Amino acid sequence: MTAQRTITDEIGEIGVWLMGEFGGRLPANVISRVLNASKRDLEGRIDPEELGEMFHTLCRFRLQRILAADERITVRIPGARLL
């Protein structure tokens, strides 16, 4: 039971860290969905001792990919002036 609590705490800390890192660039609900989906994808497939590191890596990769996609989707209106 202690090991499970430790994993849960670690995942919570990683979530707080990633919210801080990406919070200014992505909406909180998007970050939450990525965190929840990543946790679901990894649970039961990764050794509990490695779960924290893999969770952080997967979440960060997915969040960076979302940001990169947003940057590529830029609407440009020909002849428009930027203020």
N, C-alpha and C. Protein backbone atom coordinates (compact mmCIF):
# COMPACT_ATOMS: atom_id res chain seq x y z
N MET A 1 0.81 -1.19 0.00
CA MET A 1 0.00 0.00 0.00
C MET A 1 0.87 1.26 0.00
N THR A 2 1.96 1.22 0.70
CA THR A 2 2.85 2.37 0.75
C THR A 2 3.43 2.66 -0.63
N ALA A 3 3.81 1.59 -1.35
CA ALA A 3 4.37 1.79 -2.69
C ALA A 3 3.35 2.46 -3.61
N GLN A 4 2.09 2.05 -3.53
CA GLN A 4 1.04 2.65 -4.36
C GLN A 4 0.87 4.12 -4.02
N ARG A 5 0.89 4.45 -2.75
CA ARG A 5 0.75 5.85 -2.34
C ARG A 5 1.92 6.67 -2.88
N THR A 6 3.10 6.12 -2.84
CA THR A 6 4.28 6.81 -3.34
C THR A 6 4.14 7.09 -4.84
N ILE A 7 3.67 6.13 -5.60
CA ILE A 7 3.48 6.30 -7.04
C ILE A 7 2.43 7.38 -7.30
N THR A 8 1.34 7.33 -6.55
CA THR A 8 0.28 8.33 -6.70
C THR A 8 0.80 9.72 -6.38
N ASP A 9 1.57 9.83 -5.31
CA ASP A 9 2.16 11.12 -4.95
C ASP A 9 3.10 11.62 -6.04
N GLU A 10 3.92 10.72 -6.56
CA GLU A 10 4.87 11.11 -7.60
C GLU A 10 4.15 11.60 -8.86
N ILE A 11 3.10 10.89 -9.24
CA ILE A 11 2.32 11.29 -10.41
C ILE A 11 1.67 12.65 -10.16
N GLY A 12 1.18 12.87 -8.95
CA GLY A 12 0.60 14.17 -8.61
C GLY A 12 1.61 15.30 -8.70
N GLU A 13 2.82 15.05 -8.20
CA GLU A 13 3.88 16.06 -8.27
C GLU A 13 4.27 16.36 -9.71
N ILE A 14 4.34 15.33 -10.52
CA ILE A 14 4.67 15.52 -11.94
C ILE A 14 3.57 16.34 -12.62
N GLY A 15 2.32 16.05 -12.28
CA GLY A 15 1.21 16.81 -12.84
C GLY A 15 1.30 18.29 -12.50
N VAL A 16 1.63 18.59 -11.24
CA VAL A 16 1.79 19.99 -10.82
C VAL A 16 2.93 20.64 -11.59
N TRP A 17 4.03 19.92 -11.73
CA TRP A 17 5.19 20.44 -12.45
C TRP A 17 4.84 20.76 -13.91
N LEU A 18 4.16 19.83 -14.56
CA LEU A 18 3.80 20.03 -15.97
C LEU A 18 2.75 21.14 -16.14
N MET A 19 1.84 21.27 -15.19
CA MET A 19 0.87 22.37 -15.22
C MET A 19 1.61 23.70 -15.16
N GLY A 20 2.63 23.76 -14.33
CA GLY A 20 3.42 24.98 -14.23
C GLY A 20 4.20 25.27 -15.50
N GLU A 21 4.74 24.22 -16.10
CA GLU A 21 5.55 24.39 -17.31
C GLU A 21 4.71 24.78 -18.53
N PHE A 22 3.54 24.16 -18.67
CA PHE A 22 2.74 24.36 -19.89
C PHE A 22 1.50 25.22 -19.66
N GLY A 23 1.24 25.59 -18.41
CA GLY A 23 0.01 26.31 -18.07
C GLY A 23 -0.19 27.63 -18.79
N GLY A 24 0.87 28.33 -19.09
CA GLY A 24 0.74 29.60 -19.79
C GLY A 24 0.54 29.45 -21.28
N ARG A 25 0.75 28.25 -21.79
CA ARG A 25 0.67 28.05 -23.24
C ARG A 25 -0.47 27.15 -23.68
N LEU A 26 -0.99 26.35 -22.75
CA LEU A 26 -2.11 25.46 -23.07
C LEU A 26 -3.18 25.58 -21.99
N PRO A 27 -4.46 25.42 -22.35
CA PRO A 27 -5.52 25.46 -21.34
C PRO A 27 -5.37 24.31 -20.34
N ALA A 28 -5.77 24.56 -19.10
CA ALA A 28 -5.65 23.56 -18.04
C ALA A 28 -6.40 22.27 -18.37
N ASN A 29 -7.56 22.38 -19.03
CA ASN A 29 -8.31 21.17 -19.35
C ASN A 29 -7.59 20.28 -20.36
N VAL A 30 -6.83 20.88 -21.27
CA VAL A 30 -6.05 20.10 -22.24
C VAL A 30 -4.92 19.37 -21.51
N ILE A 31 -4.25 20.07 -20.62
CA ILE A 31 -3.16 19.46 -19.85
C ILE A 31 -3.70 18.32 -19.00
N SER A 32 -4.84 18.54 -18.36
CA SER A 32 -5.46 17.49 -17.53
C SER A 32 -5.81 16.25 -18.35
N ARG A 33 -6.36 16.48 -19.54
CA ARG A 33 -6.70 15.33 -20.39
C ARG A 33 -5.47 14.54 -20.78
N VAL A 34 -4.38 15.24 -21.09
CA VAL A 34 -3.12 14.56 -21.44
C VAL A 34 -2.60 13.77 -20.25
N LEU A 35 -2.63 14.37 -19.06
CA LEU A 35 -2.15 13.68 -17.86
C LEU A 35 -2.97 12.42 -17.59
N ASN A 36 -4.30 12.55 -17.66
CA ASN A 36 -5.16 11.39 -17.39
C ASN A 36 -4.99 10.30 -18.43
N ALA A 37 -4.92 10.67 -19.70
CA ALA A 37 -4.75 9.68 -20.76
C ALA A 37 -3.40 8.98 -20.65
N SER A 38 -2.37 9.73 -20.32
CA SER A 38 -1.03 9.13 -20.19
C SER A 38 -0.98 8.16 -19.02
N LYS A 39 -1.60 8.54 -17.92
CA LYS A 39 -1.64 7.65 -16.75
C LYS A 39 -2.37 6.35 -17.10
N ARG A 40 -3.51 6.49 -17.78
CA ARG A 40 -4.27 5.30 -18.19
C ARG A 40 -3.45 4.42 -19.13
N ASP A 41 -2.74 5.03 -20.06
CA ASP A 41 -1.96 4.28 -21.04
C ASP A 41 -0.81 3.50 -20.39
N LEU A 42 -0.26 4.03 -19.31
CA LEU A 42 0.92 3.41 -18.69
C LEU A 42 0.60 2.45 -17.55
N GLU A 43 -0.49 2.66 -16.85
CA GLU A 43 -0.80 1.82 -15.69
C GLU A 43 -0.91 0.35 -16.08
N GLY A 44 -0.23 -0.48 -15.34
CA GLY A 44 -0.26 -1.91 -15.58
C GLY A 44 0.69 -2.38 -16.67
N ARG A 45 1.30 -1.47 -17.38
CA ARG A 45 2.21 -1.83 -18.47
C ARG A 45 3.67 -1.55 -18.13
N ILE A 46 3.89 -0.68 -17.15
CA ILE A 46 5.23 -0.24 -16.79
C ILE A 46 5.50 -0.66 -15.35
N ASP A 47 6.71 -1.07 -15.07
CA ASP A 47 7.13 -1.39 -13.71
C ASP A 47 6.86 -0.18 -12.83
N PRO A 48 6.19 -0.37 -11.68
CA PRO A 48 5.87 0.77 -10.81
C PRO A 48 7.06 1.65 -10.46
N GLU A 49 8.24 1.07 -10.38
CA GLU A 49 9.43 1.87 -10.07
C GLU A 49 9.79 2.82 -11.21
N GLU A 50 9.41 2.49 -12.41
CA GLU A 50 9.73 3.31 -13.59
C GLU A 50 8.56 4.19 -14.02
N LEU A 51 7.41 4.00 -13.40
CA LEU A 51 6.20 4.69 -13.85
C LEU A 51 6.34 6.21 -13.82
N GLY A 52 6.91 6.76 -12.77
CA GLY A 52 7.04 8.21 -12.66
C GLY A 52 7.82 8.82 -13.81
N GLU A 53 8.96 8.24 -14.10
CA GLU A 53 9.81 8.76 -15.18
C GLU A 53 9.13 8.62 -16.54
N MET A 54 8.53 7.46 -16.78
CA MET A 54 7.85 7.24 -18.06
C MET A 54 6.64 8.16 -18.20
N PHE A 55 5.92 8.36 -17.09
CA PHE A 55 4.75 9.25 -17.09
C PHE A 55 5.17 10.67 -17.46
N HIS A 56 6.22 11.15 -16.83
CA HIS A 56 6.72 12.51 -17.12
C HIS A 56 7.14 12.63 -18.58
N THR A 57 7.89 11.66 -19.06
CA THR A 57 8.38 11.69 -20.44
C THR A 57 7.23 11.67 -21.44
N LEU A 58 6.26 10.78 -21.23
CA LEU A 58 5.13 10.66 -22.15
C LEU A 58 4.27 11.92 -22.14
N CYS A 59 3.95 12.43 -20.96
CA CYS A 59 3.13 13.64 -20.87
C CYS A 59 3.82 14.82 -21.53
N ARG A 60 5.08 14.99 -21.24
CA ARG A 60 5.84 16.13 -21.78
C ARG A 60 5.90 16.04 -23.32
N PHE A 61 6.14 14.84 -23.84
CA PHE A 61 6.17 14.65 -25.29
C PHE A 61 4.83 15.01 -25.91
N ARG A 62 3.74 14.52 -25.32
CA ARG A 62 2.42 14.79 -25.86
C ARG A 62 2.07 16.28 -25.80
N LEU A 63 2.41 16.93 -24.70
CA LEU A 63 2.13 18.36 -24.57
C LEU A 63 2.95 19.19 -25.57
N GLN A 64 4.20 18.81 -25.76
CA GLN A 64 5.04 19.51 -26.74
C GLN A 64 4.51 19.32 -28.15
N ARG A 65 4.00 18.13 -28.43
CA ARG A 65 3.45 17.86 -29.75
C ARG A 65 2.19 18.70 -30.00
N ILE A 66 1.37 18.86 -28.98
CA ILE A 66 0.18 19.71 -29.11
C ILE A 66 0.59 21.15 -29.38
N LEU A 67 1.58 21.63 -28.66
CA LEU A 67 2.07 23.00 -28.88
C LEU A 67 2.61 23.17 -30.29
N ALA A 68 3.37 22.20 -30.76
CA ALA A 68 3.95 22.27 -32.11
C ALA A 68 2.84 22.30 -33.16
N ALA A 69 1.80 21.51 -32.96
CA ALA A 69 0.68 21.49 -33.90
C ALA A 69 -0.03 22.84 -33.90
N ASP A 70 -0.19 23.45 -32.74
CA ASP A 70 -0.83 24.77 -32.65
C ASP A 70 -0.01 25.82 -33.39
N GLU A 71 1.29 25.73 -33.32
CA GLU A 71 2.15 26.69 -34.00
C GLU A 71 2.07 26.55 -35.52
N ARG A 72 1.85 25.33 -35.99
CA ARG A 72 1.75 25.10 -37.44
C ARG A 72 0.41 25.59 -37.98
N ILE A 73 -0.60 25.60 -37.13
CA ILE A 73 -1.94 26.02 -37.56
C ILE A 73 -2.07 27.52 -37.28
N THR A 74 -1.54 28.29 -38.16
CA THR A 74 -1.58 29.74 -38.03
C THR A 74 -2.35 30.28 -39.23
N VAL A 75 -3.38 31.02 -38.96
CA VAL A 75 -4.19 31.59 -40.03
C VAL A 75 -3.57 32.91 -40.45
N ARG A 76 -3.27 33.02 -41.70
CA ARG A 76 -2.72 34.27 -42.24
C ARG A 76 -3.70 34.80 -43.28
N ILE A 77 -4.03 36.05 -43.13
CA ILE A 77 -4.94 36.69 -44.07
C ILE A 77 -4.11 37.57 -44.99
N PRO A 78 -4.09 37.27 -46.28
CA PRO A 78 -3.29 38.07 -47.21
C PRO A 78 -3.70 39.54 -47.17
N GLY A 79 -2.71 40.40 -47.14
CA GLY A 79 -2.97 41.83 -47.16
C GLY A 79 -3.36 42.42 -45.81
N ALA A 80 -3.45 41.61 -44.78
CA ALA A 80 -3.83 42.11 -43.46
C ALA A 80 -2.60 42.67 -42.75
N ARG A 81 -2.81 43.72 -42.01
CA ARG A 81 -1.71 44.30 -41.24
C ARG A 81 -1.75 43.75 -39.82
N LEU A 82 -0.59 43.52 -39.29
CA LEU A 82 -0.50 43.10 -37.90
C LEU A 82 -0.37 44.33 -37.04
N LEU A 83 -1.13 44.36 -35.98
CA LEU A 83 -1.07 45.51 -35.07
C LEU A 83 -0.12 45.25 -33.94
